[in-house]
Amino acid sequence: MTEKNEFWRWEESRWKNPDLDWENAEVITLGVDVGSVSSQAVILCDGELFAYSNMRTGYDSSESALNAASWALEGTGLTLDDIHFKVGTGYGRVNVTFADRNITEIACHARGGNLMYGPTVRTILDMGGQDCKVIRCDERGKVVSFLMNDKCAAGTGRGIEVFTDLLGVPIGEVGQRSLRVEMEPEPVSSTCVVFAKSEAIGLLHAGWSTEKVLAAYCLATANRVVSLLERVGMVKDFAITGGIAKNVGVVSRIEKILGVSALEPKYDTQIAGAMGAALFAKALAEKKAKTG
């Protein structure tokens, strides 16, 4: 059985495209997104996804960046020296010491979301470990406007992790179990994860089921991010990136409140920022080649 302090642990992953041979590529680029909770590395060959890694961020951002890149490169035959251009992004982007450039996560998520979901996407909701971002973009993945909430862990991946430990529910089960209620409960506090946690403990003592408390928290998370979307102005097509995009309990409630369906992702929703960074790296590599 999972230990109580391990309920928060989500599954790390890596992937390599079996249909691509990097030796045939003209431009190989790397994007590394170092977030407060997770780090991703994406390798593109001529703009096509070749490999990626998605892992927990450690205490050292520089080490986390290198670990993510090394894991993505593992088994490919590539080394960092084979990469034509490297871009760092995310919370710890300045600590991606091997990067040729660093670019803000807002720009990278818009560009990565454009590749992941297609050129019709106009609104991207990124639900990260410690913040939520709403990004409006054009058909090229260029940022038109954005709004960020980073004042509290409520409504973020870290907030969900706190609740999994509190309730003893593996993080991968939170979404589905939150839907196992006959009627939708009132949401818990959506302004502070500490208040929400205290409220949840009180509800459990009052006889609420674990599923009902999860439903109340998922609804609170959905309400919190919907308010951001409404402030920016939600325009179709709509897509969600980040770890919470994998939580059906939050996503389905966002869709219900907004009356829209989010686009289905082609890839792991957590790699959008790193993918955008790798795309920027491709453009910069090509520019560098032209100017000499």
Protein backbone atom coordinates (compact mmCIF):
# COMPACT_ATOMS: atom_id res chain seq x y z
CA MET A 1 0.00 0.00 0.00
CA THR A 2 1.19 3.54 -0.75
CA GLU A 3 2.64 5.34 2.25
CA LYS A 4 0.66 8.39 3.36
CA ASN A 5 3.41 10.82 2.45
CA GLU A 6 3.58 9.34 -1.07
CA PHE A 7 -0.05 9.90 -2.14
CA TRP A 8 0.97 13.14 -3.85
CA ARG A 9 3.55 11.40 -6.05
CA TRP A 10 2.55 11.56 -9.70
CA GLU A 11 4.01 9.35 -12.40
CA GLU A 12 7.15 10.62 -14.09
CA SER A 13 7.43 9.75 -17.77
CA ARG A 14 9.60 9.82 -20.86
CA TRP A 15 8.93 9.03 -24.52
CA LYS A 16 10.84 8.63 -27.76
CA ASN A 17 9.34 8.76 -31.25
CA PRO A 18 10.04 5.39 -32.89
CA ASP A 19 9.39 6.81 -36.36
CA LEU A 20 12.04 9.55 -36.32
CA ASP A 21 15.76 9.19 -36.94
CA TRP A 22 17.64 12.18 -35.58
CA GLU A 23 20.57 11.50 -37.92
CA ASN A 24 18.37 12.60 -40.83
CA ALA A 25 17.44 15.91 -39.18
CA GLU A 26 18.91 19.24 -40.24
CA VAL A 27 18.02 21.10 -37.04
CA ILE A 28 17.86 19.42 -33.63
CA THR A 29 16.68 21.59 -30.75
CA LEU A 30 16.05 21.23 -27.03
CA GLY A 31 13.60 23.02 -24.76
CA VAL A 32 13.82 22.65 -20.98
CA ASP A 33 11.04 23.90 -18.70
CA VAL A 34 12.03 24.04 -15.04
CA GLY A 35 8.95 24.64 -12.93
CA SER A 36 8.54 24.84 -9.17
CA VAL A 37 7.06 21.32 -9.03
CA SER A 38 7.99 19.59 -12.31
CA SER A 39 10.63 19.84 -15.03
CA GLN A 40 10.33 18.79 -18.67
CA ALA A 41 12.72 18.49 -21.58
CA VAL A 42 11.62 18.25 -25.22
CA ILE A 43 13.81 17.37 -28.21
CA LEU A 44 12.60 18.36 -31.68
CA CYS A 45 14.01 17.18 -34.98
CA ASP A 46 13.17 19.72 -37.68
CA GLY A 47 10.23 20.85 -35.56
CA GLU A 48 8.83 17.36 -34.95
CA LEU A 49 8.66 15.79 -31.51
CA PHE A 50 11.50 13.29 -31.13
CA ALA A 51 11.68 12.72 -27.37
CA TYR A 52 10.62 14.18 -24.05
CA SER A 53 10.94 13.69 -20.31
CA ASN A 54 8.66 14.80 -17.48
CA MET A 55 9.95 14.55 -13.92
CA ARG A 56 9.79 16.07 -10.45
CA THR A 57 11.81 19.25 -9.86
CA GLY A 58 14.42 18.78 -7.14
CA TYR A 59 15.89 21.27 -4.69
CA ASP A 60 18.43 22.53 -7.24
CA SER A 61 17.01 24.05 -10.44
CA SER A 62 20.29 23.65 -12.34
CA GLU A 63 20.48 19.97 -11.45
CA SER A 64 16.79 19.49 -12.28
CA ALA A 65 17.32 21.01 -15.73
CA LEU A 66 20.26 18.73 -16.44
CA ASN A 67 18.40 15.68 -15.13
CA ALA A 68 15.38 16.38 -17.34
CA ALA A 69 17.58 16.88 -20.42
CA SER A 70 19.65 13.78 -19.67
CA TRP A 71 16.56 11.61 -19.26
CA ALA A 72 15.10 12.83 -22.55
CA LEU A 73 18.42 12.12 -24.29
CA GLU A 74 18.82 8.69 -22.69
CA GLY A 75 18.81 5.87 -25.22
CA THR A 76 18.57 8.18 -28.25
CA GLY A 77 22.26 8.22 -29.19
CA LEU A 78 22.20 12.02 -28.88
CA THR A 79 24.26 14.13 -26.49
CA LEU A 80 23.87 17.77 -25.49
CA ASP A 81 26.71 18.62 -27.88
CA ASP A 82 24.61 17.29 -30.80
CA ILE A 83 21.85 19.82 -30.12
CA HIS A 84 22.00 22.86 -32.41
CA PHE A 85 20.19 25.24 -30.05
CA LYS A 86 18.86 24.99 -26.49
CA VAL A 87 16.29 27.21 -24.75
CA GLY A 88 15.37 27.28 -21.07
CA THR A 89 11.99 28.39 -19.75
CA GLY A 90 9.86 28.24 -16.63
CA TYR A 91 10.36 29.30 -13.03
CA GLY A 92 14.01 28.21 -13.07
CA ARG A 93 14.90 29.18 -16.64
CA VAL A 94 17.92 31.28 -15.63
CA ASN A 95 19.37 28.17 -14.02
CA VAL A 96 19.36 26.14 -17.24
CA THR A 97 23.09 26.73 -17.45
CA PHE A 98 23.61 24.87 -20.73
CA ALA A 99 20.91 26.85 -22.58
CA ASP A 100 21.82 29.26 -25.36
CA ARG A 101 18.86 31.47 -24.45
CA ASN A 102 16.04 31.64 -21.90
CA ILE A 103 12.49 32.72 -22.77
CA THR A 104 9.47 33.38 -20.55
CA GLU A 105 7.04 30.55 -19.89
CA ILE A 106 4.10 32.63 -21.15
CA ALA A 107 5.58 32.84 -24.66
CA CYS A 108 6.67 29.19 -24.58
CA HIS A 109 3.29 27.84 -23.45
CA ALA A 110 1.55 29.75 -26.21
CA ARG A 111 3.93 28.44 -28.86
CA GLY A 112 3.90 24.91 -27.46
CA GLY A 113 0.13 24.91 -27.11
CA ASN A 114 -0.13 25.94 -30.75
CA LEU A 115 1.83 22.85 -31.81
CA MET A 116 0.09 20.51 -29.37
CA TYR A 117 -3.47 21.55 -30.15
CA GLY A 118 -3.22 23.07 -33.62
CA PRO A 119 -3.46 26.61 -35.03
CA THR A 120 -7.15 27.02 -34.12
CA VAL A 121 -6.42 27.30 -30.39
CA ARG A 122 -6.98 30.84 -29.09
CA THR A 123 -7.17 30.43 -25.31
CA ILE A 124 -4.75 28.32 -23.28
CA LEU A 125 -5.23 27.66 -19.59
CA ASP A 126 -1.98 26.48 -18.02
CA MET A 127 -2.53 24.96 -14.58
CA GLY A 128 0.95 24.61 -13.15
CA GLY A 129 2.44 23.53 -9.86
CA GLN A 130 2.37 26.95 -8.19
CA ASP A 131 0.45 29.24 -10.54
CA CYS A 132 -2.30 29.39 -13.12
CA LYS A 133 -1.96 31.28 -16.38
CA VAL A 134 -4.56 32.19 -19.00
CA ILE A 135 -3.01 32.99 -22.37
CA ARG A 136 -4.75 34.37 -25.46
CA CYS A 137 -2.81 33.66 -28.65
CA ASP A 138 -3.12 33.97 -32.41
CA GLU A 139 -2.92 31.29 -35.11
CA ARG A 140 0.89 31.28 -34.96
CA GLY A 141 1.02 30.76 -31.20
CA LYS A 142 2.01 34.37 -30.51
CA VAL A 143 0.77 35.84 -27.21
CA VAL A 144 -2.03 38.40 -27.56
CA SER A 145 -2.77 38.83 -23.85
CA PHE A 146 -2.40 36.90 -20.60
CA LEU A 147 -3.25 36.89 -16.92
CA MET A 148 -1.51 34.99 -14.13
CA ASN A 149 -2.45 34.06 -10.60
CA ASP A 150 0.51 33.08 -8.43
CA LYS A 151 -0.48 34.37 -5.00
CA CYS A 152 -1.51 31.05 -3.46
CA ALA A 153 -1.25 27.31 -4.14
CA ALA A 154 -5.06 27.04 -4.22
CA GLY A 155 -6.14 26.04 -7.70
CA THR A 156 -2.69 24.69 -8.60
CA GLY A 157 -0.97 21.34 -8.79
CA ARG A 158 0.65 21.84 -5.40
CA GLY A 159 -2.77 22.47 -3.88
CA ILE A 160 -4.00 19.15 -5.27
CA GLU A 161 -0.93 17.43 -3.84
CA VAL A 162 -1.70 18.80 -0.37
CA PHE A 163 -5.22 17.40 -0.60
CA THR A 164 -4.08 13.96 -1.71
CA ASP A 165 -1.93 13.68 1.40
CA LEU A 166 -4.73 14.99 3.61
CA LEU A 167 -7.32 12.54 2.28
CA GLY A 168 -5.05 9.59 1.58
CA VAL A 169 -6.04 9.37 -2.09
CA PRO A 170 -3.44 8.68 -4.81
CA ILE A 171 -3.20 11.77 -7.00
CA GLY A 172 -4.11 9.83 -10.14
CA GLU A 173 -7.47 8.87 -8.62
CA VAL A 174 -8.55 12.34 -7.43
CA GLY A 175 -10.43 13.35 -10.59
CA GLN A 176 -12.45 10.18 -11.07
CA ARG A 177 -13.32 9.85 -7.38
CA SER A 178 -14.48 13.47 -7.23
CA LEU A 179 -17.14 12.59 -9.82
CA ARG A 180 -18.61 9.81 -7.65
CA VAL A 181 -21.16 12.07 -5.96
CA GLU A 182 -24.92 12.14 -6.46
CA MET A 183 -25.11 15.92 -6.09
CA GLU A 184 -22.43 18.56 -6.48
CA PRO A 185 -21.49 19.97 -3.04
CA GLU A 186 -20.66 23.57 -2.26
CA PRO A 187 -17.00 24.34 -3.06
CA VAL A 188 -14.45 24.71 -0.30
CA SER A 189 -12.36 27.87 -0.01
CA SER A 190 -10.76 28.77 -3.34
CA THR A 191 -8.63 31.65 -2.08
CA CYS A 192 -6.17 29.81 0.17
CA VAL A 193 -5.04 26.20 0.28
CA VAL A 194 -4.52 26.41 4.07
CA PHE A 195 -8.12 27.54 4.60
CA ALA A 196 -9.36 24.89 2.15
CA LYS A 197 -7.43 22.21 4.01
CA SER A 198 -8.87 23.29 7.40
CA GLU A 199 -12.36 23.40 5.92
CA ALA A 200 -11.93 19.94 4.42
CA ILE A 201 -10.89 18.50 7.79
CA GLY A 202 -14.02 20.01 9.33
CA LEU A 203 -16.21 18.50 6.59
CA LEU A 204 -14.68 15.05 7.12
CA HIS A 205 -15.38 15.34 10.86
CA ALA A 206 -18.94 16.35 9.99
CA GLY A 207 -19.41 13.08 8.12
CA TRP A 208 -18.70 14.02 4.51
CA SER A 209 -17.31 11.21 2.36
CA THR A 210 -13.85 11.49 0.85
CA GLU A 211 -15.44 11.70 -2.61
CA LYS A 212 -17.66 14.59 -1.56
CA VAL A 213 -14.71 16.54 -0.15
CA LEU A 214 -12.73 15.88 -3.35
CA ALA A 215 -15.70 17.11 -5.39
CA ALA A 216 -15.85 20.29 -3.30
CA TYR A 217 -12.14 20.93 -3.83
CA CYS A 218 -12.19 20.17 -7.56
CA LEU A 219 -15.16 22.52 -7.95
CA ALA A 220 -13.34 25.24 -6.02
CA THR A 221 -10.31 24.80 -8.29
CA ALA A 222 -12.50 25.02 -11.38
CA ASN A 223 -14.26 28.15 -10.11
CA ARG A 224 -10.93 29.81 -9.37
CA VAL A 225 -9.49 29.33 -12.84
CA VAL A 226 -12.78 30.13 -14.58
CA SER A 227 -12.69 33.57 -12.95
CA LEU A 228 -9.28 34.12 -14.58
CA LEU A 229 -10.62 32.96 -17.94
CA GLU A 230 -13.57 35.32 -17.70
CA ARG A 231 -11.30 38.25 -16.86
CA VAL A 232 -9.14 37.64 -19.94
CA GLY A 233 -12.09 36.75 -22.16
CA MET A 234 -12.41 33.09 -23.15
CA VAL A 235 -12.29 32.66 -26.92
CA LYS A 236 -12.58 29.31 -28.72
CA ASP A 237 -10.78 27.09 -29.38
CA PHE A 238 -9.89 26.39 -25.77
CA ALA A 239 -7.10 24.13 -24.47
CA ILE A 240 -5.65 23.21 -21.08
CA THR A 241 -1.99 22.48 -20.34
CA GLY A 242 -0.16 21.49 -17.16
CA GLY A 243 -0.55 18.62 -14.74
CA ILE A 244 -4.10 19.43 -13.63
CA ALA A 245 -5.21 19.01 -17.25
CA LYS A 246 -4.98 15.28 -16.42
CA ASN A 247 -7.54 15.66 -13.61
CA VAL A 248 -10.94 14.88 -15.14
CA GLY A 249 -12.70 16.14 -12.02
CA VAL A 250 -11.35 19.66 -12.52
CA VAL A 251 -11.47 19.68 -16.34
CA SER A 252 -15.06 18.44 -16.60
CA ARG A 253 -16.21 21.08 -14.10
CA ILE A 254 -14.42 23.86 -16.00
CA GLU A 255 -16.09 22.68 -19.21
CA LYS A 256 -19.50 22.59 -17.53
CA ILE A 257 -19.19 26.09 -16.06
CA LEU A 258 -17.97 27.56 -19.36
CA GLY A 259 -20.26 25.50 -21.58
CA VAL A 260 -17.37 24.50 -23.83
CA SER A 261 -15.25 21.40 -24.44
CA ALA A 262 -11.49 21.65 -24.17
CA LEU A 263 -9.47 20.40 -27.12
CA GLU A 264 -8.04 16.90 -26.80
CA PRO A 265 -4.24 16.96 -26.41
CA LYS A 266 -1.99 15.05 -28.79
CA TYR A 267 0.82 14.83 -26.25
CA ASP A 268 1.44 14.93 -22.49
CA THR A 269 -0.12 18.20 -21.30
CA GLN A 270 2.85 18.92 -19.03
CA ILE A 271 5.36 19.33 -21.88
CA ALA A 272 3.76 22.39 -23.52
CA GLY A 273 6.28 24.87 -22.10
CA ALA A 274 9.31 22.77 -23.02
CA MET A 275 7.85 22.15 -26.46
CA GLY A 276 7.43 25.86 -27.01
CA ALA A 277 11.00 26.44 -25.85
CA ALA A 278 12.24 23.85 -28.37
CA LEU A 279 10.25 25.56 -31.12
CA PHE A 280 11.81 28.92 -30.25
CA ALA A 281 15.18 27.17 -30.29
CA LYS A 282 14.49 25.96 -33.84
CA ALA A 283 13.71 29.49 -35.03
CA LEU A 284 16.81 30.86 -33.32
CA ALA A 285 19.01 28.10 -34.74
CA GLU A 286 17.76 28.82 -38.26
CA LYS A 287 18.30 32.56 -37.77
CA LYS A 288 21.81 31.92 -36.52
CA ALA A 289 22.57 29.72 -39.54
CA LYS A 290 21.41 32.45 -41.94
CA THR A 291 23.39 35.23 -40.32
CA GLY A 292 26.45 33.09 -39.80
